[in-house]
């Protein structure tokens, strides 16, 4: 009698594997790579939608009371006493798709913060939607504090043949192995690191925030009580206020 594993004979397991392999080969022979990539993206968006809708039901269960401090795209860097939002981080309070409207009342937050997240949204649509939502949720005089990769630094380093930015990038260990030229590194800054979709210098970031309705927009220095030490070098930090 064939040996069993998890209640199935090895012959049954092999048969299922062979059928699965045959089905994959059949689909592969009759579809294009781009079509299969599109299907994978649909599956990813289905997972995102499920997590977002499930988390929406948990908003009313938050123990934190307004006025909120909201941390967008927190990753593992959760802030105690804040509403920490990240789609995939287990530590986050809410797992929301930040391309969607924020589930908070008007004028219910005193501070909204994000660090190395805004560049993962497509400009103009996704970025403008989040900024408008942030402006709505902030109370008058509330602060939108944002940190993004400083794109002026790599561009200046490339044009002026300076090795400072490139040496820093290699030393941090962020780059994939194939980034063996300066232009590869520049491309990774613009399109890599988990899906960068847009890049900012101070002029552009200020303009985008002004267009969304923010005022008193100023560059600020690294704040140890707020920002991540890992992001201290190479990050452009800006504070903007709701009128």
Protein backbone atom coordinates (compact mmCIF):
# COMPACT_ATOMS: atom_id res chain seq x y z
CA UNK A 1 0.00 0.00 0.00
CA UNK A 2 1.50 3.40 -0.95
CA UNK A 3 2.90 5.54 1.84
CA UNK A 4 0.52 8.31 2.89
CA UNK A 5 1.17 11.96 3.65
CA UNK A 6 -1.51 14.17 5.26
CA UNK A 7 -4.10 11.52 4.50
CA UNK A 8 -3.18 11.27 0.78
CA UNK A 9 -1.19 8.53 -0.89
CA UNK A 10 2.02 9.61 -2.61
CA UNK A 11 0.47 8.47 -5.87
CA UNK A 12 -2.47 10.83 -5.35
CA UNK A 13 -0.14 13.66 -4.45
CA UNK A 14 1.93 13.04 -7.59
CA UNK A 15 -1.22 12.87 -9.71
CA UNK A 16 -2.44 16.22 -8.37
CA UNK A 17 0.98 17.75 -9.00
CA UNK A 18 1.11 16.40 -12.55
CA UNK A 19 -2.40 17.69 -13.29
CA UNK A 20 -1.48 21.08 -11.89
CA UNK A 21 1.69 21.20 -13.95
CA UNK A 22 -0.22 20.16 -17.05
CA UNK A 23 -2.86 22.85 -16.49
CA UNK A 24 -0.16 25.51 -16.01
CA UNK A 25 1.55 24.44 -19.21
CA UNK A 26 -1.78 24.48 -21.06
CA UNK A 27 -2.57 28.02 -19.86
CA UNK A 28 0.98 29.18 -20.58
CA UNK A 29 0.86 27.86 -24.14
CA UNK A 30 -2.35 29.77 -24.89
CA UNK A 31 -1.79 33.13 -23.17
CA UNK A 32 0.77 35.89 -23.35
CA UNK A 33 3.13 36.89 -20.58
CA UNK A 34 1.48 40.32 -20.33
CA UNK A 35 -1.95 38.70 -19.95
CA UNK A 36 -0.69 36.44 -17.15
CA UNK A 37 0.90 39.44 -15.43
CA UNK A 38 -2.44 41.25 -15.65
CA UNK A 39 -4.17 38.27 -14.02
CA UNK A 40 -1.60 38.27 -11.22
CA UNK A 41 -2.27 41.97 -10.68
CA UNK A 42 -6.00 41.28 -10.46
CA UNK A 43 -5.34 38.65 -7.79
CA UNK A 44 -3.18 41.11 -5.87
CA UNK A 45 -5.86 43.80 -6.06
CA UNK A 46 -8.45 41.26 -4.86
CA UNK A 47 -6.33 40.56 -1.77
CA UNK A 48 -5.88 44.30 -1.17
CA UNK A 49 -9.63 44.90 -1.49
CA UNK A 50 -10.42 42.11 0.99
CA UNK A 51 -7.94 43.42 3.57
CA UNK A 52 -9.19 47.00 3.12
CA UNK A 53 -12.86 46.11 3.51
CA UNK A 54 -12.17 43.93 6.55
CA UNK A 55 -10.16 46.71 8.20
CA UNK A 56 -12.87 49.30 7.55
CA UNK A 57 -15.08 47.34 9.91
CA UNK A 58 -12.48 47.81 12.64
CA UNK A 59 -12.31 51.61 12.52
CA UNK A 60 -15.09 52.05 15.06
CA UNK A 61 -13.31 49.65 17.44
CA UNK A 62 -10.22 51.85 17.75
CA UNK A 63 -9.46 52.70 21.35
CA UNK A 64 -7.81 55.95 20.28
CA UNK A 65 -10.05 58.99 20.43
CA UNK A 66 -9.89 62.13 18.26
CA UNK A 67 -8.20 64.39 17.61
CA UNK A 68 -6.11 61.68 15.97
CA UNK A 69 -2.47 61.49 15.08
CA UNK A 70 -2.40 59.38 11.93
CA UNK A 71 0.64 57.53 10.60
CA UNK A 72 0.26 56.64 6.92
CA UNK A 73 2.27 53.71 5.56
CA UNK A 74 3.78 52.97 8.95
CA UNK A 75 5.40 49.64 8.12
CA UNK A 76 6.88 48.17 11.33
CA UNK A 77 7.46 51.66 12.79
CA UNK A 78 4.26 51.99 14.79
CA UNK A 79 3.83 55.01 17.04
CA UNK A 80 2.11 54.47 20.41
CA UNK A 81 -1.07 56.52 20.78
CA UNK A 82 -1.33 57.06 17.02
CA UNK A 83 -3.57 55.47 14.40
CA UNK A 84 -0.97 53.45 12.49
CA UNK A 85 -2.06 52.48 8.97
CA UNK A 86 -0.33 50.04 6.65
CA UNK A 87 -1.80 47.56 4.24
CA UNK A 88 0.53 44.66 5.04
CA UNK A 89 2.25 45.42 8.36
CA UNK A 90 1.08 43.10 11.14
CA UNK A 91 1.84 45.82 13.68
CA UNK A 92 -0.52 48.37 12.09
CA UNK A 93 -3.82 49.31 13.73
CA UNK A 94 -5.61 49.41 10.37
CA UNK A 95 -4.80 47.63 7.12
CA UNK A 96 -6.14 50.10 4.59
CA UNK A 97 -5.63 50.78 0.90
CA UNK A 98 -4.57 54.43 1.06
CA UNK A 99 -5.64 54.96 -2.52
CA UNK A 100 -9.17 54.92 -1.10
CA UNK A 101 -10.90 57.62 1.04
CA UNK A 102 -9.75 57.83 4.65
CA UNK A 103 -12.42 56.45 7.04
CA UNK A 104 -12.27 59.38 9.47
CA UNK A 105 -14.65 62.31 10.02
CA UNK A 106 -13.90 65.83 8.85
CA UNK A 107 -11.53 67.80 11.09
CA UNK A 108 -10.81 64.79 13.33
CA UNK A 109 -6.98 64.76 13.19
CA UNK A 110 -4.34 67.15 14.50
CA UNK A 111 -1.39 65.54 12.70
CA UNK A 112 -0.98 63.28 9.69
CA UNK A 113 2.48 61.88 9.07
CA UNK A 114 4.11 59.72 6.42
CA UNK A 115 7.73 58.80 5.75
CA UNK A 116 8.84 57.21 2.48
CA UNK A 117 5.29 56.39 1.45
CA UNK A 118 4.05 59.19 -0.83
CA UNK A 119 6.50 58.17 -3.58
CA UNK A 120 4.70 54.80 -3.81
CA UNK A 121 1.53 56.49 -5.07
CA UNK A 122 0.97 57.43 -8.72
CA UNK A 123 0.92 61.14 -9.51
CA UNK A 124 -1.32 62.98 -10.04
CA UNK A 125 -4.46 60.93 -9.31
CA UNK A 126 -3.50 58.79 -6.30
CA UNK A 127 -1.34 61.48 -4.69
CA UNK A 128 -3.91 64.25 -5.09
CA UNK A 129 -6.68 62.01 -3.75
CA UNK A 130 -4.73 61.22 -0.58
CA UNK A 131 -3.75 64.86 -0.04
CA UNK A 132 -7.34 66.03 -0.44
CA UNK A 133 -8.48 63.38 2.02
CA UNK A 134 -5.75 64.39 4.47
CA UNK A 135 -6.80 68.03 4.20
CA UNK A 136 -10.41 67.04 4.88
CA UNK A 137 -9.54 64.96 7.94
CA UNK A 138 -7.17 67.51 9.48
CA UNK A 139 -8.57 70.16 11.78
CA UNK A 140 -7.83 73.81 11.06
CA UNK A 141 -4.17 74.44 11.83
CA UNK A 142 -3.42 70.70 11.67
CA UNK A 143 -0.12 69.52 10.23
CA UNK A 144 0.62 67.23 7.31
CA UNK A 145 4.23 66.14 7.85
CA UNK A 146 5.82 64.17 5.04
CA UNK A 147 9.20 62.68 4.26
CA UNK A 148 10.15 61.46 0.78
CA UNK A 149 13.41 60.38 -0.87
CA UNK A 150 15.33 63.52 -1.83
CA UNK A 151 15.66 63.22 -5.60
CA UNK A 152 17.82 66.34 -5.95
CA UNK A 153 20.70 64.50 -4.27
CA UNK A 154 21.04 61.56 -6.74
CA UNK A 155 20.48 63.83 -9.74
CA UNK A 156 23.15 66.28 -8.60
CA UNK A 157 25.52 63.41 -7.83
CA UNK A 158 25.03 61.97 -11.31
CA UNK A 159 25.42 65.26 -13.19
CA UNK A 160 28.47 66.40 -11.20
CA UNK A 161 30.13 62.97 -11.17
CA UNK A 162 30.05 62.86 -7.37
CA UNK A 163 30.24 59.47 -5.72
CA UNK A 164 28.58 60.54 -2.45
CA UNK A 165 25.03 59.36 -3.19
CA UNK A 166 26.12 56.19 -4.97
CA UNK A 167 28.56 55.20 -2.25
CA UNK A 168 25.86 55.79 0.37
CA UNK A 169 23.35 53.68 -1.58
CA UNK A 170 25.72 50.72 -1.87
CA UNK A 171 26.75 50.95 1.80
CA UNK A 172 23.11 50.82 2.94
CA UNK A 173 22.61 47.47 1.23
CA UNK A 174 19.29 48.54 -0.34
CA UNK A 175 20.30 47.89 -3.95
CA UNK A 176 19.81 44.63 -5.88
CA UNK A 177 22.96 42.93 -7.16
CA UNK A 178 22.40 44.01 -10.75
CA UNK A 179 22.72 47.72 -9.83
CA UNK A 180 26.35 47.89 -10.97
CA UNK A 181 26.29 51.23 -12.83
CA UNK A 182 25.35 54.73 -11.74
CA UNK A 183 22.38 54.78 -14.15
CA UNK A 184 21.09 51.49 -12.73
CA UNK A 185 21.15 53.13 -9.30
CA UNK A 186 19.28 56.17 -10.63
CA UNK A 187 16.63 53.92 -12.19
CA UNK A 188 16.24 52.05 -8.90
CA UNK A 189 15.68 55.36 -7.12
CA UNK A 190 12.90 56.29 -9.56
CA UNK A 191 11.15 52.94 -10.06
CA UNK A 192 12.47 50.43 -7.52
CA UNK A 193 12.49 49.99 -3.74
CA UNK A 194 9.19 48.14 -3.64
CA UNK A 195 7.42 50.22 -6.28
CA UNK A 196 8.39 53.88 -6.41
CA UNK A 197 5.98 55.67 -8.74
CA UNK A 198 7.00 59.33 -8.46
CA UNK A 199 9.96 61.40 -7.33
CA UNK A 200 10.19 64.75 -5.58
CA UNK A 201 12.49 67.66 -4.99
CA UNK A 202 11.56 70.54 -2.68
CA UNK A 203 10.04 72.69 -5.44
CA UNK A 204 7.82 69.88 -6.70
CA UNK A 205 6.68 68.69 -3.27
CA UNK A 206 5.82 72.22 -2.17
CA UNK A 207 3.87 72.80 -5.39
CA UNK A 208 1.91 69.57 -5.02
CA UNK A 209 0.97 70.43 -1.43
CA UNK A 210 -0.02 73.99 -2.37
CA UNK A 211 -2.22 72.71 -5.18
CA UNK A 212 -3.99 70.42 -2.68
CA UNK A 213 -4.79 73.43 -0.46
CA UNK A 214 -2.07 73.35 2.19
CA UNK A 215 -0.37 76.55 3.39
CA UNK A 216 2.77 77.53 5.32
CA UNK A 217 4.74 74.78 3.62
CA UNK A 218 8.33 74.63 4.83
CA UNK A 219 11.23 72.22 4.68
CA UNK A 220 12.26 70.94 8.09
CA UNK A 221 15.23 69.07 9.45
CA UNK A 222 15.23 65.50 10.73
CA UNK A 223 13.24 65.17 13.98
CA UNK A 224 14.44 62.24 16.16
CA UNK A 225 11.17 62.13 18.08
CA UNK A 226 9.17 61.72 14.88
CA UNK A 227 11.34 60.37 12.07
CA UNK A 228 13.17 57.07 11.58
CA UNK A 229 16.92 57.10 12.16
CA UNK A 230 17.26 54.85 9.11
CA UNK A 231 15.84 57.66 6.94
CA UNK A 232 17.89 60.48 8.42
CA UNK A 233 20.19 60.75 5.41
CA UNK A 234 18.66 61.19 1.98
CA UNK A 235 15.15 62.22 3.04
CA UNK A 236 13.37 65.47 2.22
CA UNK A 237 11.08 66.44 5.12
CA UNK A 238 8.33 69.04 4.75
CA UNK A 239 5.58 70.32 7.06
CA UNK A 240 2.36 71.77 5.65
CA UNK A 241 -0.67 73.21 7.43
CA UNK A 242 -4.39 73.17 6.86
CA UNK A 243 -5.74 76.77 6.75
